[in-house]
Each structure stands twice: as structure tokens, then as C-alpha cells.
Amino acid sequence: MTASRFVIFSAVVVLLCAVSLSEGLRIGPQRCCFTFSTRPVPIKKVVEYSMTSQQCPKEAVLFKTVKGHYVCAKPTDSWVKENIKIIDSRNVGSHGTL
């Protein structure tokens, strides 16, 4: 009787370890971009920006709008560089983080 309890207990422990390991593998970037906006986002509609994680397949800038939507853009586009410059100048002297 004790041997069968030990086998069941061991099987449960192995199963829990397997589940926790597979959950840990799901950790990755929260947001990646696969399509990019070709139209400039008006700067008055942009609240903040961030860069996508290096784990994402494509490098991108994420603009957050006043409505809470995210817009993906290519960091090499001139309008993206200009928006970043304006947002950075707004935040001079602030100590907040994105």
C-alpha cells in the first residue's frame, strides 16, 4: 500500500514540475509588431512610445495613443524619428519610466 502511494505521489510531483516548467517557457515579450503603420500618427494623439523587445522578430516602435491604442511603426521612418524627438523633448526633466 505504501509503495503505491509513493508512486502516485511521485507521479504528481513530476506532473507539477512539468507544468511549471512549461509555464516558465511562455515568458517572452509582451508586444511584438508584425505589421507597421505607413501613415504618420499625429503627435497630438501620442502619449508615449517604447521599443519592442529584442526577443521580437522585428525591431519596432510602439506609440501609445490617448485612447490607449498601440500603433506599430518602423524606427527608420522619418515621421517616427520626429515623433520620438518631440516626445523626448516633452519628457525632459521628468523621472518617469514607460
PDB file of N, CA and C in Angstrom:
ATOM      1  N   MET A   1       0.819  -1.191   0.000  1.00  0.00           N
ATOM      2  CA  MET A   1       0.000   0.000   0.000  1.00  0.00           C
ATOM      3  C   MET A   1       0.865   1.259   0.000  1.00  0.00           C
ATOM      4  N   THR A   2       1.929   1.270   0.787  1.00  0.00           N
ATOM      5  CA  THR A   2       2.792   2.445   0.846  1.00  0.00           C
ATOM      6  C   THR A   2       3.542   2.652  -0.455  1.00  0.00           C
ATOM      7  N   ALA A   3       3.903   1.588  -1.123  1.00  0.00           N
ATOM      8  CA  ALA A   3       4.619   1.719  -2.393  1.00  0.00           C
ATOM      9  C   ALA A   3       3.724   2.370  -3.445  1.00  0.00           C
ATOM     10  N   SER A   4       2.460   2.005  -3.481  1.00  0.00           N
ATOM     11  CA  SER A   4       1.561   2.608  -4.470  1.00  0.00           C
ATOM     12  C   SER A   4       1.321   4.091  -4.160  1.00  0.00           C
ATOM     13  N   ARG A   5       1.257   4.448  -2.890  1.00  0.00           N
ATOM     14  CA  ARG A   5       1.119   5.864  -2.523  1.00  0.00           C
ATOM     15  C   ARG A   5       2.356   6.647  -2.943  1.00  0.00           C
ATOM     16  N   PHE A   6       3.512   6.039  -2.754  1.00  0.00           N
ATOM     17  CA  PHE A   6       4.755   6.706  -3.149  1.00  0.00           C
ATOM     18  C   PHE A   6       4.796   6.924  -4.660  1.00  0.00           C
ATOM     19  N   VAL A   7       4.361   5.937  -5.427  1.00  0.00           N
ATOM     20  CA  VAL A   7       4.339   6.045  -6.885  1.00  0.00           C
ATOM     21  C   VAL A   7       3.375   7.152  -7.309  1.00  0.00           C
ATOM     22  N   ILE A   8       2.197   7.198  -6.712  1.00  0.00           N
ATOM     23  CA  ILE A   8       1.215   8.239  -7.041  1.00  0.00           C
ATOM     24  C   ILE A   8       1.762   9.613  -6.663  1.00  0.00           C
ATOM     25  N   PHE A   9       2.335   9.718  -5.473  1.00  0.00           N
ATOM     26  CA  PHE A   9       2.908  10.995  -5.032  1.00  0.00           C
ATOM     27  C   PHE A   9       4.024  11.439  -5.980  1.00  0.00           C
ATOM     28  N   SER A  10       4.891  10.516  -6.364  1.00  0.00           N
ATOM     29  CA  SER A  10       5.986  10.844  -7.287  1.00  0.00           C
ATOM     30  C   SER A  10       5.448  11.293  -8.638  1.00  0.00           C
ATOM     31  N   ALA A  11       4.420  10.622  -9.127  1.00  0.00           N
ATOM     32  CA  ALA A  11       3.826  10.993 -10.415  1.00  0.00           C
ATOM     33  C   ALA A  11       3.231  12.396 -10.353  1.00  0.00           C
ATOM     34  N   VAL A  12       2.582  12.728  -9.249  1.00  0.00           N
ATOM     35  CA  VAL A  12       2.003  14.068  -9.083  1.00  0.00           C
ATOM     36  C   VAL A  12       3.105  15.119  -9.049  1.00  0.00           C
ATOM     37  N   VAL A  13       4.181  14.851  -8.339  1.00  0.00           N
ATOM     38  CA  VAL A  13       5.298  15.797  -8.262  1.00  0.00           C
ATOM     39  C   VAL A  13       5.911  16.013  -9.646  1.00  0.00           C
ATOM     40  N   VAL A  14       6.130  14.950 -10.386  1.00  0.00           N
ATOM     41  CA  VAL A  14       6.692  15.061 -11.734  1.00  0.00           C
ATOM     42  C   VAL A  14       5.750  15.854 -12.637  1.00  0.00           C
ATOM     43  N   LEU A  15       4.469  15.589 -12.541  1.00  0.00           N
ATOM     44  CA  LEU A  15       3.483  16.315 -13.344  1.00  0.00           C
ATOM     45  C   LEU A  15       3.489  17.806 -13.005  1.00  0.00           C
ATOM     46  N   LEU A  16       3.526  18.147 -11.734  1.00  0.00           N
ATOM     47  CA  LEU A  16       3.569  19.555 -11.328  1.00  0.00           C
ATOM     48  C   LEU A  16       4.843  20.240 -11.814  1.00  0.00           C
ATOM     49  N   CYS A  17       5.951  19.540 -11.757  1.00  0.00           N
ATOM     50  CA  CYS A  17       7.211  20.110 -12.261  1.00  0.00           C
ATOM     51  C   CYS A  17       7.130  20.360 -13.764  1.00  0.00           C
ATOM     52  N   ALA A  18       6.567  19.426 -14.494  1.00  0.00           N
ATOM     53  CA  ALA A  18       6.445  19.582 -15.947  1.00  0.00           C
ATOM     54  C   ALA A  18       5.550  20.765 -16.288  1.00  0.00           C
ATOM     55  N   VAL A  19       4.453  20.927 -15.569  1.00  0.00           N
ATOM     56  CA  VAL A  19       3.541  22.047 -15.824  1.00  0.00           C
ATOM     57  C   VAL A  19       4.221  23.368 -15.507  1.00  0.00           C
ATOM     58  N   SER A  20       4.908  23.446 -14.379  1.00  0.00           N
ATOM     59  CA  SER A  20       5.551  24.712 -14.009  1.00  0.00           C
ATOM     60  C   SER A  20       6.681  25.062 -14.977  1.00  0.00           C
ATOM     61  N   LEU A  21       7.407  24.077 -15.468  1.00  0.00           N
ATOM     62  CA  LEU A  21       8.460  24.349 -16.447  1.00  0.00           C
ATOM     63  C   LEU A  21       7.879  24.837 -17.762  1.00  0.00           C
ATOM     64  N   SER A  22       6.789  24.228 -18.210  1.00  0.00           N
ATOM     65  CA  SER A  22       6.197  24.659 -19.474  1.00  0.00           C
ATOM     66  C   SER A  22       5.598  26.055 -19.348  1.00  0.00           C
ATOM     67  N   GLU A  23       5.081  26.419 -18.188  1.00  0.00           N
ATOM     68  CA  GLU A  23       4.569  27.774 -17.970  1.00  0.00           C
ATOM     69  C   GLU A  23       5.716  28.773 -18.018  1.00  0.00           C
ATOM     70  N   GLY A  24       6.853  28.410 -17.486  1.00  0.00           N
ATOM     71  CA  GLY A  24       8.017  29.292 -17.495  1.00  0.00           C
ATOM     72  C   GLY A  24       8.527  29.563 -18.896  1.00  0.00           C
ATOM     73  N   LEU A  25       8.351  28.627 -19.793  1.00  0.00           N
ATOM     74  CA  LEU A  25       8.806  28.808 -21.164  1.00  0.00           C
ATOM     75  C   LEU A  25       7.951  29.803 -21.931  1.00  0.00           C
ATOM     76  N   ARG A  26       6.757  30.081 -21.443  1.00  0.00           N
ATOM     77  CA  ARG A  26       5.859  31.013 -22.117  1.00  0.00           C
ATOM     78  C   ARG A  26       6.256  32.469 -21.893  1.00  0.00           C
ATOM     79  N   ILE A  27       7.144  32.702 -20.968  1.00  0.00           N
ATOM     80  CA  ILE A  27       7.558  34.070 -20.690  1.00  0.00           C
ATOM     81  C   ILE A  27       8.329  34.594 -21.890  1.00  0.00           C
ATOM     82  N   GLY A  28       7.909  35.706 -22.397  1.00  0.00           N
ATOM     83  CA  GLY A  28       8.543  36.315 -23.557  1.00  0.00           C
ATOM     84  C   GLY A  28       8.082  37.749 -23.672  1.00  0.00           C
ATOM     85  N   PRO A  29       8.320  38.344 -24.797  1.00  0.00           N
ATOM     86  CA  PRO A  29       7.923  39.738 -24.961  1.00  0.00           C
ATOM     87  C   PRO A  29       6.408  39.887 -24.899  1.00  0.00           C
ATOM     88  N   GLN A  30       5.964  40.995 -24.307  1.00  0.00           N
ATOM     89  CA  GLN A  30       4.529  41.240 -24.200  1.00  0.00           C
ATOM     90  C   GLN A  30       3.944  41.701 -25.527  1.00  0.00           C
ATOM     91  N   ARG A  31       4.680  42.527 -26.248  1.00  0.00           N
ATOM     92  CA  ARG A  31       4.158  43.063 -27.506  1.00  0.00           C
ATOM     93  C   ARG A  31       5.233  43.002 -28.582  1.00  0.00           C
ATOM     94  N   CYS A  32       4.873  42.418 -29.701  1.00  0.00           N
ATOM     95  CA  CYS A  32       5.727  42.421 -30.886  1.00  0.00           C
ATOM     96  C   CYS A  32       4.908  42.965 -32.050  1.00  0.00           C
ATOM     97  N   CYS A  33       5.588  43.523 -33.026  1.00  0.00           N
ATOM     98  CA  CYS A  33       4.915  44.080 -34.201  1.00  0.00           C
ATOM     99  C   CYS A  33       5.192  43.206 -35.421  1.00  0.00           C
ATOM    100  N   PHE A  34       4.145  42.962 -36.183  1.00  0.00           N
ATOM    101  CA  PHE A  34       4.280  42.185 -37.407  1.00  0.00           C
ATOM    102  C   PHE A  34       3.838  42.988 -38.627  1.00  0.00           C
ATOM    103  N   THR A  35       3.009  43.997 -38.389  1.00  0.00           N
ATOM    104  CA  THR A  35       2.630  44.945 -39.440  1.00  0.00           C
ATOM    105  C   THR A  35       2.897  46.346 -38.917  1.00  0.00           C
ATOM    106  N   PHE A  36       3.175  47.261 -39.836  1.00  0.00           N
ATOM    107  CA  PHE A  36       3.582  48.606 -39.441  1.00  0.00           C
ATOM    108  C   PHE A  36       2.709  49.656 -40.100  1.00  0.00           C
ATOM    109  N   SER A  37       2.456  50.721 -39.360  1.00  0.00           N
ATOM    110  CA  SER A  37       1.680  51.832 -39.896  1.00  0.00           C
ATOM    111  C   SER A  37       2.509  52.554 -40.950  1.00  0.00           C
ATOM    112  N   THR A  38       1.896  52.809 -42.081  1.00  0.00           N
ATOM    113  CA  THR A  38       2.586  53.567 -43.128  1.00  0.00           C
ATOM    114  C   THR A  38       2.198  55.041 -43.069  1.00  0.00           C
ATOM    115  N   ARG A  39       1.080  55.311 -42.392  1.00  0.00           N
ATOM    116  CA  ARG A  39       0.648  56.705 -42.243  1.00  0.00           C
ATOM    117  C   ARG A  39       1.151  57.244 -40.915  1.00  0.00           C
ATOM    118  N   PRO A  40       1.658  58.461 -40.910  1.00  0.00           N
ATOM    119  CA  PRO A  40       2.130  59.052 -39.660  1.00  0.00           C
ATOM    120  C   PRO A  40       1.005  59.187 -38.632  1.00  0.00           C
ATOM    121  N   VAL A  41       1.337  58.923 -37.383  1.00  0.00           N
ATOM    122  CA  VAL A  41       0.399  59.133 -36.285  1.00  0.00           C
ATOM    123  C   VAL A  41       0.576  60.576 -35.833  1.00  0.00           C
ATOM    124  N   PRO A  42      -0.497  61.381 -35.826  1.00  0.00           N
ATOM    125  CA  PRO A  42      -0.359  62.775 -35.389  1.00  0.00           C
ATOM    126  C   PRO A  42       0.194  62.847 -33.963  1.00  0.00           C
ATOM    127  N   ILE A  43       1.188  63.677 -33.768  1.00  0.00           N
ATOM    128  CA  ILE A  43       1.867  63.752 -32.477  1.00  0.00           C
ATOM    129  C   ILE A  43       0.915  64.135 -31.355  1.00  0.00           C
ATOM    130  N   LYS A  44      -0.121  64.899 -31.651  1.00  0.00           N
ATOM    131  CA  LYS A  44      -1.064  65.295 -30.600  1.00  0.00           C
ATOM    132  C   LYS A  44      -1.874  64.101 -30.079  1.00  0.00           C
ATOM    133  N   LYS A  45      -1.861  62.993 -30.818  1.00  0.00           N
ATOM    134  CA  LYS A  45      -2.578  61.794 -30.388  1.00  0.00           C
ATOM    135  C   LYS A  45      -1.678  60.793 -29.671  1.00  0.00           C
ATOM    136  N   VAL A  46      -0.388  61.094 -29.590  1.00  0.00           N
ATOM    137  CA  VAL A  46       0.563  60.160 -28.991  1.00  0.00           C
ATOM    138  C   VAL A  46       0.859  60.561 -27.550  1.00  0.00           C
ATOM    139  N   VAL A  47       0.736  59.596 -26.641  1.00  0.00           N
ATOM    140  CA  VAL A  47       1.011  59.818 -25.225  1.00  0.00           C
ATOM    141  C   VAL A  47       2.449  59.441 -24.889  1.00  0.00           C
ATOM    142  N   GLU A  48       2.883  58.287 -25.383  1.00  0.00           N
ATOM    143  CA  GLU A  48       4.222  57.786 -25.090  1.00  0.00           C
ATOM    144  C   GLU A  48       4.631  56.788 -26.165  1.00  0.00           C
ATOM    145  N   TYR A  49       5.876  56.383 -26.096  1.00  0.00           N
ATOM    146  CA  TYR A  49       6.362  55.357 -27.024  1.00  0.00           C
ATOM    147  C   TYR A  49       7.297  54.423 -26.286  1.00  0.00           C
ATOM    148  N   SER A  50       7.512  53.264 -26.855  1.00  0.00           N
ATOM    149  CA  SER A  50       8.502  52.320 -26.342  1.00  0.00           C
ATOM    150  C   SER A  50       9.010  51.500 -27.518  1.00  0.00           C
ATOM    151  N   MET A  51      10.138  50.883 -27.317  1.00  0.00           N
ATOM    152  CA  MET A  51      10.706  49.995 -28.327  1.00  0.00           C
ATOM    153  C   MET A  51      10.253  48.573 -28.012  1.00  0.00           C
ATOM    154  N   THR A  52      10.068  47.771 -29.038  1.00  0.00           N
ATOM    155  CA  THR A  52       9.717  46.375 -28.806  1.00  0.00           C
ATOM    156  C   THR A  52      10.933  45.640 -28.245  1.00  0.00           C
ATOM    157  N   SER A  53      10.670  44.514 -27.633  1.00  0.00           N
ATOM    158  CA  SER A  53      11.720  43.699 -27.036  1.00  0.00           C
ATOM    159  C   SER A  53      12.672  43.168 -28.106  1.00  0.00           C
ATOM    160  N   GLN A  54      13.897  42.912 -27.708  1.00  0.00           N
ATOM    161  CA  GLN A  54      14.866  42.314 -28.624  1.00  0.00           C
ATOM    162  C   GLN A  54      14.492  40.873 -28.959  1.00  0.00           C
ATOM    163  N   GLN A  55      13.573  40.301 -28.189  1.00  0.00           N
ATOM    164  CA  GLN A  55      13.108  38.939 -28.461  1.00  0.00           C
ATOM    165  C   GLN A  55      12.110  38.903 -29.618  1.00  0.00           C
ATOM    166  N   CYS A  56      11.587  40.057 -30.003  1.00  0.00           N
ATOM    167  CA  CYS A  56      10.643  40.120 -31.126  1.00  0.00           C
ATOM    168  C   CYS A  56      11.393  39.927 -32.438  1.00  0.00           C
ATOM    169  N   PRO A  57      10.743  39.349 -33.436  1.00  0.00           N
ATOM    170  CA  PRO A  57      11.424  39.099 -34.708  1.00  0.00           C
ATOM    171  C   PRO A  57      11.755  40.366 -35.489  1.00  0.00           C
ATOM    172  N   LYS A  58      10.993  41.453 -35.266  1.00  0.00           N
ATOM    173  CA  LYS A  58      11.236  42.700 -35.994  1.00  0.00           C
ATOM    174  C   LYS A  58      11.365  43.855 -35.004  1.00  0.00           C
ATOM    175  N   GLU A  59      12.332  44.718 -35.248  1.00  0.00           N
ATOM    176  CA  GLU A  59      12.500  45.905 -34.418  1.00  0.00           C
ATOM    177  C   GLU A  59      11.379  46.885 -34.747  1.00  0.00           C
ATOM    178  N   ALA A  60      10.783  47.488 -33.717  1.00  0.00           N
ATOM    179  CA  ALA A  60       9.682  48.417 -33.956  1.00  0.00           C
ATOM    180  C   ALA A  60       9.550  49.408 -32.808  1.00  0.00           C
ATOM    181  N   VAL A  61       8.853  50.502 -33.112  1.00  0.00           N
ATOM    182  CA  VAL A  61       8.480  51.491 -32.111  1.00  0.00           C
ATOM    183  C   VAL A  61       6.981  51.333 -31.885  1.00  0.00           C
ATOM    184  N   LEU A  62       6.584  51.293 -30.615  1.00  0.00           N
ATOM    185  CA  LEU A  62       5.171  51.223 -30.262  1.00  0.00           C
ATOM    186  C   LEU A  62       4.741  52.587 -29.744  1.00  0.00           C
ATOM    187  N   PHE A  63       3.845  53.239 -30.461  1.00  0.00           N
ATOM    188  CA  PHE A  63       3.281  54.502 -29.999  1.00  0.00           C
ATOM    189  C   PHE A  63       1.971  54.195 -29.284  1.00  0.00           C
ATOM    190  N   LYS A  64       1.808  54.751 -28.084  1.00  0.00           N
ATOM    191  CA  LYS A  64       0.549  54.609 -27.353  1.00  0.00           C
ATOM    192  C   LYS A  64      -0.252  55.884 -27.559  1.00  0.00           C
ATOM    193  N   THR A  65      -1.504  55.738 -28.006  1.00  0.00           N
ATOM    194  CA  THR A  65      -2.336  56.906 -28.283  1.00  0.00           C
ATOM    195  C   THR A  65      -3.108  57.321 -27.033  1.00  0.00           C
ATOM    196  N   VAL A  66      -3.729  58.500 -27.104  1.00  0.00           N
ATOM    197  CA  VAL A  66      -4.511  58.998 -25.973  1.00  0.00           C
ATOM    198  C   VAL A  66      -5.687  58.067 -25.659  1.00  0.00           C
ATOM    199  N   LYS A  67      -6.142  57.302 -26.632  1.00  0.00           N
ATOM    200  CA  LYS A  67      -7.239  56.354 -26.416  1.00  0.00           C
ATOM    201  C   LYS A  67      -6.745  55.003 -25.899  1.00  0.00           C
ATOM    202  N   GLY A  68      -5.429  54.867 -25.714  1.00  0.00           N
ATOM    203  CA  GLY A  68      -4.870  53.627 -25.187  1.00  0.00           C
ATOM    204  C   GLY A  68      -4.565  52.577 -26.237  1.00  0.00           C
ATOM    205  N   HIS A  69      -4.649  52.938 -27.496  1.00  0.00           N
ATOM    206  CA  HIS A  69      -4.323  52.003 -28.579  1.00  0.00           C
ATOM    207  C   HIS A  69      -2.821  52.049 -28.849  1.00  0.00           C
ATOM    208  N   TYR A  70      -2.302  50.961 -29.381  1.00  0.00           N
ATOM    209  CA  TYR A  70      -0.891  50.898 -29.739  1.00  0.00           C
ATOM    210  C   TYR A  70      -0.749  50.843 -31.255  1.00  0.00           C
ATOM    211  N   VAL A  71       0.201  51.620 -31.756  1.00  0.00           N
ATOM    212  CA  VAL A  71       0.468  51.662 -33.193  1.00  0.00           C
ATOM    213  C   VAL A  71       1.920  51.261 -33.410  1.00  0.00           C
ATOM    214  N   CYS A  72       2.145  50.280 -34.259  1.00  0.00           N
ATOM    215  CA  CYS A  72       3.493  49.828 -34.584  1.00  0.00           C
ATOM    216  C   CYS A  72       4.054  50.660 -35.731  1.00  0.00           C
ATOM    217  N   ALA A  73       5.319  51.029 -35.598  1.00  0.00           N
ATOM    218  CA  ALA A  73       5.958  51.825 -36.644  1.00  0.00           C
ATOM    219  C   ALA A  73       7.412  51.405 -36.785  1.00  0.00           C
ATOM    220  N   LYS A  74       7.939  51.624 -37.987  1.00  0.00           N
ATOM    221  CA  LYS A  74       9.343  51.304 -38.246  1.00  0.00           C
ATOM    222  C   LYS A  74      10.222  52.422 -37.688  1.00  0.00           C
ATOM    223  N   PRO A  75      11.228  52.070 -36.907  1.00  0.00           N
ATOM    224  CA  PRO A  75      12.085  53.093 -36.302  1.00  0.00           C
ATOM    225  C   PRO A  75      12.908  53.879 -37.314  1.00  0.00           C
ATOM    226  N   THR A  76      13.001  53.398 -38.537  1.00  0.00           N
ATOM    227  CA  THR A  76      13.789  54.096 -39.560  1.00  0.00           C
ATOM    228  C   THR A  76      12.980  55.140 -40.324  1.00  0.00           C
ATOM    229  N   ASP A  77      11.643  55.126 -40.173  1.00  0.00           N
ATOM    230  CA  ASP A  77      10.812  56.111 -40.877  1.00  0.00           C
ATOM    231  C   ASP A  77      11.038  57.502 -40.292  1.00  0.00           C
ATOM    232  N   SER A  78      11.085  58.500 -41.164  1.00  0.00           N
ATOM    233  CA  SER A  78      11.385  59.867 -40.714  1.00  0.00           C
ATOM    234  C   SER A  78      10.318  60.405 -39.763  1.00  0.00           C
ATOM    235  N   TRP A  79       9.038  60.105 -40.005  1.00  0.00           N
ATOM    236  CA  TRP A  79       7.993  60.613 -39.111  1.00  0.00           C
ATOM    237  C   TRP A  79       8.090  59.981 -37.729  1.00  0.00           C
ATOM    238  N   VAL A  80       8.568  58.754 -37.666  1.00  0.00           N
ATOM    239  CA  VAL A  80       8.749  58.071 -36.384  1.00  0.00           C
ATOM    240  C   VAL A  80       9.866  58.750 -35.599  1.00  0.00           C
ATOM    241  N   LYS A  81      10.981  59.020 -36.269  1.00  0.00           N
ATOM    242  CA  LYS A  81      12.101  59.706 -35.616  1.00  0.00           C
ATOM    243  C   LYS A  81      11.671  61.074 -35.095  1.00  0.00           C
ATOM    244  N   GLU A  82      10.873  61.784 -35.883  1.00  0.00           N
ATOM    245  CA  GLU A  82      10.403  63.114 -35.483  1.00  0.00           C
ATOM    246  C   GLU A  82       9.473  63.027 -34.268  1.00  0.00           C
ATOM    247  N   ASN A  83       8.549  62.072 -34.276  1.00  0.00           N
ATOM    248  CA  ASN A  83       7.655  61.895 -33.127  1.00  0.00           C
ATOM    249  C   ASN A  83       8.438  61.549 -31.862  1.00  0.00           C
ATOM    250  N   ILE A  84       9.437  60.689 -31.995  1.00  0.00           N
ATOM    251  CA  ILE A  84      10.258  60.316 -30.840  1.00  0.00           C
ATOM    252  C   ILE A  84      10.973  61.545 -30.288  1.00  0.00           C
ATOM    253  N   LYS A  85      11.516  62.353 -31.180  1.00  0.00           N
ATOM    254  CA  LYS A  85      12.224  63.558 -30.764  1.00  0.00           C
ATOM    255  C   LYS A  85      11.290  64.498 -29.986  1.00  0.00           C
ATOM    256  N   ILE A  86      10.080  64.669 -30.480  1.00  0.00           N
ATOM    257  CA  ILE A  86       9.109  65.554 -29.821  1.00  0.00           C
ATOM    258  C   ILE A  86       8.702  64.996 -28.459  1.00  0.00           C
ATOM    259  N   ILE A  87       8.433  63.698 -28.397  1.00  0.00           N
ATOM    260  CA  ILE A  87       8.042  63.082 -27.123  1.00  0.00           C
ATOM    261  C   ILE A  87       9.175  63.176 -26.115  1.00  0.00           C
ATOM    262  N   ASP A  88      10.402  62.928 -26.562  1.00  0.00           N
ATOM    263  CA  ASP A  88      11.551  63.035 -25.663  1.00  0.00           C
ATOM    264  C   ASP A  88      11.708  64.456 -25.137  1.00  0.00           C
ATOM    265  N   SER A  89      11.456  65.451 -25.984  1.00  0.00           N
ATOM    266  CA  SER A  89      11.590  66.841 -25.530  1.00  0.00           C
ATOM    267  C   SER A  89      10.483  67.198 -24.534  1.00  0.00           C
ATOM    268  N   ARG A  90       9.313  66.575 -24.642  1.00  0.00           N
ATOM    269  CA  ARG A  90       8.233  66.769 -23.661  1.00  0.00           C
ATOM    270  C   ARG A  90       8.645  66.244 -22.297  1.00  0.00           C
ATOM    271  N   ASN A  91       9.395  65.160 -22.305  1.00  0.00           N
ATOM    272  CA  ASN A  91       9.720  64.456 -21.067  1.00  0.00           C
ATOM    273  C   ASN A  91      11.028  64.893 -20.431  1.00  0.00           C
ATOM    274  N   VAL A  92      11.660  65.931 -20.952  1.00  0.00           N
ATOM    275  CA  VAL A  92      12.918  66.398 -20.369  1.00  0.00           C
ATOM    276  C   VAL A  92      12.645  66.851 -18.946  1.00  0.00           C
ATOM    277  N   GLY A  93      13.426  66.331 -18.021  1.00  0.00           N
ATOM    278  CA  GLY A  93      13.271  66.702 -16.621  1.00  0.00           C
ATOM    279  C   GLY A  93      12.338  65.792 -15.851  1.00  0.00           C
ATOM    280  N   SER A  94      11.561  64.971 -16.528  1.00  0.00           N
ATOM    281  CA  SER A  94      10.696  64.050 -15.796  1.00  0.00           C
ATOM    282  C   SER A  94      11.495  62.797 -15.468  1.00  0.00           C
ATOM    283  N   HIS A  95      11.100  62.157 -14.402  1.00  0.00           N
ATOM    284  CA  HIS A  95      11.838  60.972 -13.967  1.00  0.00           C
ATOM    285  C   HIS A  95      11.007  59.708 -14.110  1.00  0.00           C
ATOM    286  N   GLY A  96       9.903  59.770 -14.818  1.00  0.00           N
ATOM    287  CA  GLY A  96       9.050  58.598 -15.001  1.00  0.00           C
ATOM    288  C   GLY A  96       9.625  57.654 -16.032  1.00  0.00           C
ATOM    289  N   THR A  97       9.129  56.447 -15.997  1.00  0.00           N
ATOM    290  CA  THR A  97       9.536  55.456 -16.987  1.00  0.00           C
ATOM    291  C   THR A  97       8.299  54.952 -17.695  1.00  0.00           C
ATOM    292  N   LEU A  98       8.516  54.371 -18.858  1.00  0.00           N
ATOM    293  CA  LEU A  98       7.385  53.824 -19.612  1.00  0.00           C
ATOM    294  C   LEU A  98       6.966  52.510 -19.038  1.00  0.00           C
TER     295      LEU A  98
END
